[in-house]
Amino acid sequence: CTCTNEPPTLSNSDDNNVTAIISSLVAVIVILAVVVFGMLCYRQSKKKDRFLPRDYERAAVAEVVAAEKP
């Protein structure tokens, strides 16, 4: 009985190991994807921040000029 029962438990443990490995790989891939996506978004936001202050300065100058005109 013990001999017939052992192989299924071994195969079950192998399946569990495979699922654990797959799940860990999926977790690593998801983390990497999130990191890459975050870096891309960070670069995009940096580019936007580079352009926005100039626009804000132009808008502020335009507001000052408009306020001084009348």
C-alpha atoms as a PDB file:
ATOM      1  CA  CYS A   1       0.000   0.000   0.000  1.00  0.00           C
ATOM      2  CA  THR A   2       2.700   2.442   0.914  1.00  0.00           C
ATOM      3  CA  CYS A   3       4.517   1.809  -2.361  1.00  0.00           C
ATOM      4  CA  THR A   4       1.383   2.396  -4.434  1.00  0.00           C
ATOM      5  CA  ASN A   5       0.513   5.550  -2.460  1.00  0.00           C
ATOM      6  CA  GLU A   6       3.952   7.179  -2.667  1.00  0.00           C
ATOM      7  CA  PRO A   7       4.178   7.878  -6.432  1.00  0.00           C
ATOM      8  CA  PRO A   8       0.952   9.961  -6.507  1.00  0.00           C
ATOM      9  CA  THR A   9       2.172  12.086  -3.584  1.00  0.00           C
ATOM     10  CA  LEU A  10       5.499  12.539  -5.388  1.00  0.00           C
ATOM     11  CA  SER A  11       3.731  13.566  -8.582  1.00  0.00           C
ATOM     12  CA  ASN A  12       1.468  15.882  -6.558  1.00  0.00           C
ATOM     13  CA  SER A  13       4.482  17.498  -4.923  1.00  0.00           C
ATOM     14  CA  ASP A  14       6.066  17.863  -8.371  1.00  0.00           C
ATOM     15  CA  ASP A  15       2.891  19.543  -9.620  1.00  0.00           C
ATOM     16  CA  ASN A  16       2.927  21.823  -6.609  1.00  0.00           C
ATOM     17  CA  ASN A  17       6.561  22.708  -7.310  1.00  0.00           C
ATOM     18  CA  VAL A  18       5.728  23.435 -10.950  1.00  0.00           C
ATOM     19  CA  THR A  19       2.777  25.631  -9.999  1.00  0.00           C
ATOM     20  CA  ALA A  20       4.935  27.425  -7.403  1.00  0.00           C
ATOM     21  CA  ILE A  21       7.641  28.029 -10.002  1.00  0.00           C
ATOM     22  CA  ILE A  22       5.081  29.262 -12.551  1.00  0.00           C
ATOM     23  CA  SER A  23       3.399  31.522 -10.019  1.00  0.00           C
ATOM     24  CA  SER A  24       6.757  32.962  -8.940  1.00  0.00           C
ATOM     25  CA  LEU A  25       7.697  33.551 -12.580  1.00  0.00           C
ATOM     26  CA  VAL A  26       4.378  35.272 -13.194  1.00  0.00           C
ATOM     27  CA  ALA A  27       4.925  37.406 -10.097  1.00  0.00           C
ATOM     28  CA  VAL A  28       8.411  38.388 -11.300  1.00  0.00           C
ATOM     29  CA  ILE A  29       7.085  39.235 -14.770  1.00  0.00           C
ATOM     30  CA  VAL A  30       4.275  41.327 -13.288  1.00  0.00           C
ATOM     31  CA  ILE A  31       6.717  43.178 -11.020  1.00  0.00           C
ATOM     32  CA  LEU A  32       9.064  43.838 -13.944  1.00  0.00           C
ATOM     33  CA  ALA A  33       6.160  45.060 -16.075  1.00  0.00           C
ATOM     34  CA  VAL A  34       5.021  47.393 -13.294  1.00  0.00           C
ATOM     35  CA  VAL A  35       8.567  48.730 -12.847  1.00  0.00           C
ATOM     36  CA  VAL A  36       9.025  49.329 -16.593  1.00  0.00           C
ATOM     37  CA  PHE A  37       5.587  50.939 -16.847  1.00  0.00           C
ATOM     38  CA  GLY A  38       6.363  53.130 -13.849  1.00  0.00           C
ATOM     39  CA  MET A  39       9.679  54.204 -15.350  1.00  0.00           C
ATOM     40  CA  LEU A  40       7.998  55.062 -18.656  1.00  0.00           C
ATOM     41  CA  CYS A  41       5.280  57.047 -16.881  1.00  0.00           C
ATOM     42  CA  TYR A  42       7.948  58.784 -14.773  1.00  0.00           C
ATOM     43  CA  ARG A  43       9.870  59.774 -17.899  1.00  0.00           C
ATOM     44  CA  GLN A  44       6.653  60.998 -19.540  1.00  0.00           C
ATOM     45  CA  SER A  45       5.778  63.050 -16.460  1.00  0.00           C
ATOM     46  CA  LYS A  46       9.328  64.441 -16.394  1.00  0.00           C
ATOM     47  CA  LYS A  47       9.002  65.493 -20.040  1.00  0.00           C
ATOM     48  CA  LYS A  48       5.622  67.095 -19.289  1.00  0.00           C
ATOM     49  CA  ASP A  49       7.090  68.880 -16.256  1.00  0.00           C
ATOM     50  CA  ARG A  50       9.873  70.222 -18.451  1.00  0.00           C
ATOM     51  CA  PHE A  51       7.384  71.763 -20.863  1.00  0.00           C
ATOM     52  CA  LEU A  52       4.746  72.852 -18.342  1.00  0.00           C
ATOM     53  CA  PRO A  53       6.811  75.418 -16.356  1.00  0.00           C
ATOM     54  CA  ARG A  54       7.493  77.357 -19.554  1.00  0.00           C
ATOM     55  CA  ASP A  55       3.785  77.369 -20.348  1.00  0.00           C
ATOM     56  CA  TYR A  56       3.020  78.490 -16.805  1.00  0.00           C
ATOM     57  CA  GLU A  57       5.640  81.236 -17.116  1.00  0.00           C
ATOM     58  CA  ARG A  58       4.145  82.383 -20.429  1.00  0.00           C
ATOM     59  CA  ALA A  59       0.660  82.342 -18.924  1.00  0.00           C
ATOM     60  CA  ALA A  60       1.877  84.285 -15.889  1.00  0.00           C
ATOM     61  CA  VAL A  61       3.643  86.842 -18.093  1.00  0.00           C
ATOM     62  CA  ALA A  62       0.549  87.157 -20.254  1.00  0.00           C
ATOM     63  CA  GLU A  63      -1.596  87.675 -17.165  1.00  0.00           C
ATOM     64  CA  VAL A  64       0.799  90.348 -15.831  1.00  0.00           C
ATOM     65  CA  VAL A  65       0.867  92.107 -19.198  1.00  0.00           C
ATOM     66  CA  ALA A  66      -2.916  91.933 -19.454  1.00  0.00           C
ATOM     67  CA  ALA A  67      -3.232  93.295 -15.918  1.00  0.00           C
ATOM     68  CA  GLU A  68      -0.828  96.163 -16.649  1.00  0.00           C
ATOM     69  CA  LYS A  69      -2.408  97.118 -20.006  1.00  0.00           C
ATOM     70  CA  PRO A  70      -5.702  98.632 -18.814  1.00  0.00           C
END
